C-alpha atoms as a PDB file:
ATOM      1  CA  MET A   1      15.159   0.850  21.346  1.00  0.00           C
ATOM      2  CA  LYS A   2      13.810   1.904  17.747  1.00  0.00           C
ATOM      3  CA  HIS A   3      17.334   1.407  16.421  1.00  0.00           C
ATOM      4  CA  GLU A   4      17.290  -2.146  17.575  1.00  0.00           C
ATOM      5  CA  ILE A   5      13.968  -2.585  16.025  1.00  0.00           C
ATOM      6  CA  ASN A   6      14.956  -1.351  12.708  1.00  0.00           C
ATOM      7  CA  LEU A   7      18.145  -3.708  12.656  1.00  0.00           C
ATOM      8  CA  GLN A   8      15.822  -6.623  13.451  1.00  0.00           C
ATOM      9  CA  VAL A   9      13.423  -5.412  10.535  1.00  0.00           C
ATOM     10  CA  TYR A  10      16.375  -5.185   8.077  1.00  0.00           C
ATOM     11  CA  ALA A  11      17.754  -8.414   9.268  1.00  0.00           C
ATOM     12  CA  ARG A  12      14.524 -10.208   8.452  1.00  0.00           C
ATOM     13  CA  ALA A  13      14.071  -8.550   5.126  1.00  0.00           C
ATOM     14  CA  ASN A  14      17.726  -9.732   4.137  1.00  0.00           C
ATOM     15  CA  GLU A  15      16.660 -13.349   5.285  1.00  0.00           C
ATOM     16  CA  CYS A  16      13.826 -13.575   2.901  1.00  0.00           C
ATOM     17  CA  SER A  17      14.469 -15.748   0.040  1.00  0.00           C
ATOM     18  CA  GLU A  18      11.459 -14.581  -2.104  1.00  0.00           C
ATOM     19  CA  LEU A  19       9.462 -11.562  -2.860  1.00  0.00           C
ATOM     20  CA  LEU A  20       6.758 -10.934  -0.334  1.00  0.00           C
ATOM     21  CA  SER A  21       4.001  -8.516  -0.290  1.00  0.00           C
ATOM     22  CA  VAL A  22       4.127  -5.933   2.275  1.00  0.00           C
ATOM     23  CA  GLU A  23       1.458  -7.593   4.178  1.00  0.00           C
ATOM     24  CA  ASP A  24       3.178 -10.749   4.247  1.00  0.00           C
ATOM     25  CA  PHE A  25       6.267  -9.328   5.268  1.00  0.00           C
ATOM     26  CA  ALA A  26       4.415  -7.888   8.074  1.00  0.00           C
ATOM     27  CA  ILE A  27       3.379 -11.444   9.328  1.00  0.00           C
ATOM     28  CA  VAL A  28       6.853 -12.437   9.186  1.00  0.00           C
ATOM     29  CA  LEU A  29       7.921  -9.659  11.268  1.00  0.00           C
ATOM     30  CA  ALA A  30       5.137 -10.213  13.840  1.00  0.00           C
ATOM     31  CA  LYS A  31       5.889 -13.982  14.290  1.00  0.00           C
ATOM     32  CA  HIS A  32       9.252 -12.961  14.588  1.00  0.00           C
ATOM     33  CA  PHE A  33       9.136 -10.675  17.422  1.00  0.00           C
ATOM     34  CA  THR A  34       6.458 -13.169  19.324  1.00  0.00           C
ATOM     35  CA  SER A  35       8.758 -16.053  18.763  1.00  0.00           C
ATOM     36  CA  PHE A  36      12.404 -14.558  19.026  1.00  0.00           C
ATOM     37  CA  PHE A  37      11.505 -12.357  22.203  1.00  0.00           C
ATOM     38  CA  SER A  38       9.879 -14.549  25.401  1.00  0.00           C
ATOM     39  CA  GLN A  39       8.773 -11.469  27.063  1.00  0.00           C
ATOM     40  CA  VAL A  40       6.723 -10.340  23.787  1.00  0.00           C
ATOM     41  CA  THR A  41       3.264 -11.961  23.653  1.00  0.00           C
ATOM     42  CA  THR A  42       1.619  -9.494  21.226  1.00  0.00           C
ATOM     43  CA  THR A  43       2.817  -7.376  18.390  1.00  0.00           C
ATOM     44  CA  ILE A  44       1.136  -4.688  16.303  1.00  0.00           C
ATOM     45  CA  VAL A  45       3.062  -4.120  12.905  1.00  0.00           C
ATOM     46  CA  LYS A  46       2.213  -0.895  11.326  1.00  0.00           C
ATOM     47  CA  ILE A  47       4.036  -1.078   7.718  1.00  0.00           C
ATOM     48  CA  VAL A  48       4.295   1.520   5.019  1.00  0.00           C
ATOM     49  CA  GLU A  49       5.485   0.361   1.382  1.00  0.00           C
ATOM     50  CA  LYS A  50       7.715   2.907  -0.407  1.00  0.00           C
ATOM     51  CA  PRO A  51       9.137   2.704  -3.901  1.00  0.00           C
ATOM     52  CA  TRP A  52      12.899   2.417  -3.719  1.00  0.00           C
ATOM     53  CA  GLU A  53      15.360   2.977  -6.977  1.00  0.00           C
ATOM     54  CA  HIS A  54      18.754   1.994  -7.308  1.00  0.00           C
ATOM     55  CA  VAL A  55      21.336   4.731  -7.242  1.00  0.00           C
ATOM     56  CA  HIS A  56      23.245   5.200 -10.541  1.00  0.00           C
ATOM     57  CA  VAL A  57      26.763   6.116 -11.009  1.00  0.00           C
ATOM     58  CA  ASP A  58      28.239   6.552 -14.553  1.00  0.00           C
ATOM     59  CA  GLY A  59      25.105   4.797 -15.846  1.00  0.00           C
ATOM     60  CA  GLN A  60      25.393   1.796 -13.913  1.00  0.00           C
ATOM     61  CA  PRO A  61      23.101   0.767 -10.840  1.00  0.00           C
ATOM     62  CA  LEU A  62      25.238   0.517  -7.458  1.00  0.00           C
ATOM     63  CA  LYS A  63      24.311  -3.059  -5.838  1.00  0.00           C
ATOM     64  CA  HIS A  64      23.648  -1.690  -2.346  1.00  0.00           C
ATOM     65  CA  GLY A  65      22.666   2.038  -3.328  1.00  0.00           C
ATOM     66  CA  PHE A  66      19.197   3.158  -3.231  1.00  0.00           C
ATOM     67  CA  LYS A  67      16.968   6.160  -2.978  1.00  0.00           C
ATOM     68  CA  LEU A  68      13.497   6.683  -2.199  1.00  0.00           C
ATOM     69  CA  GLY A  69      11.620   6.543  -5.766  1.00  0.00           C
ATOM     70  CA  SER A  70       9.606   8.975  -7.417  1.00  0.00           C
ATOM     71  CA  GLU A  71       6.920   6.336  -8.239  1.00  0.00           C
ATOM     72  CA  LYS A  72       3.432   7.713  -6.624  1.00  0.00           C
ATOM     73  CA  HIS A  73       0.580   4.962  -5.424  1.00  0.00           C
ATOM     74  CA  ILE A  74      -2.791   6.328  -5.723  1.00  0.00           C
ATOM     75  CA  GLN A  75      -6.046   4.964  -4.641  1.00  0.00           C
ATOM     76  CA  LEU A  76      -8.879   5.209  -6.484  1.00  0.00           C
ATOM     77  CA  ARG A  77     -12.346   5.290  -5.206  1.00  0.00           C
ATOM     78  CA  ARG A  78     -15.690   4.595  -7.173  1.00  0.00           C
END
């Protein structure tokens, strides 16, 4: 089941014609699952943003090659 859900998430991401925040993408996913599957009436979407970088070969980025990035997100509290 998890594999099928992952495929649905990748398909929705591929259909996005504009850049979305992770929050807006979570809304897209929730709407998809509740409208596409009649047996689903409620969804809870937990989403985590991770930085990705293009894989480079011979100094050139691969169009469809990515790796987990090294960028770190830090939340500061005052």
